[in-house]
Amino acid sequence: MFTDYEKKLYKKLYDSFQSDEFLVCFDLPEDKEEKELLLSAARHFEDAGIACAVVSPDLGYDYLELELMPQYAYHYVDL
C-alpha cells in the first residue's frame, strides 16, 4: 500500500514515464523529514518493481535519479 506522499510522487513519475521520460531526477530537499520521505518512497518503489534508483545519496550523490522498470504501469491501479 502506498502512503499519500508516495501516491503523489508516483503520479508525477507516471506522468513523466507516459511522456517517454524514463529517467526522473529529484534534488534532495534541505528538510531532513522531506528528504527521508523521498528516499523512503524511492526504496518502496524499488521494492515494488516500479522504478530503481540509478543515482542516490547512498552512492555519494546529492540528488536522486529514478529509472522506470517495465512493470510500473501495473501499480497505477493501487492508487
Foldseek 3Di string as FASTA:
>chain_A
DDDPLLLVVLVVVVVCVVVVNFKDKFAQDPDPVSNVVVVVSQVVCVVVQAWHWPDDVVVVDRMTMIGGGPCNVVCNVVD
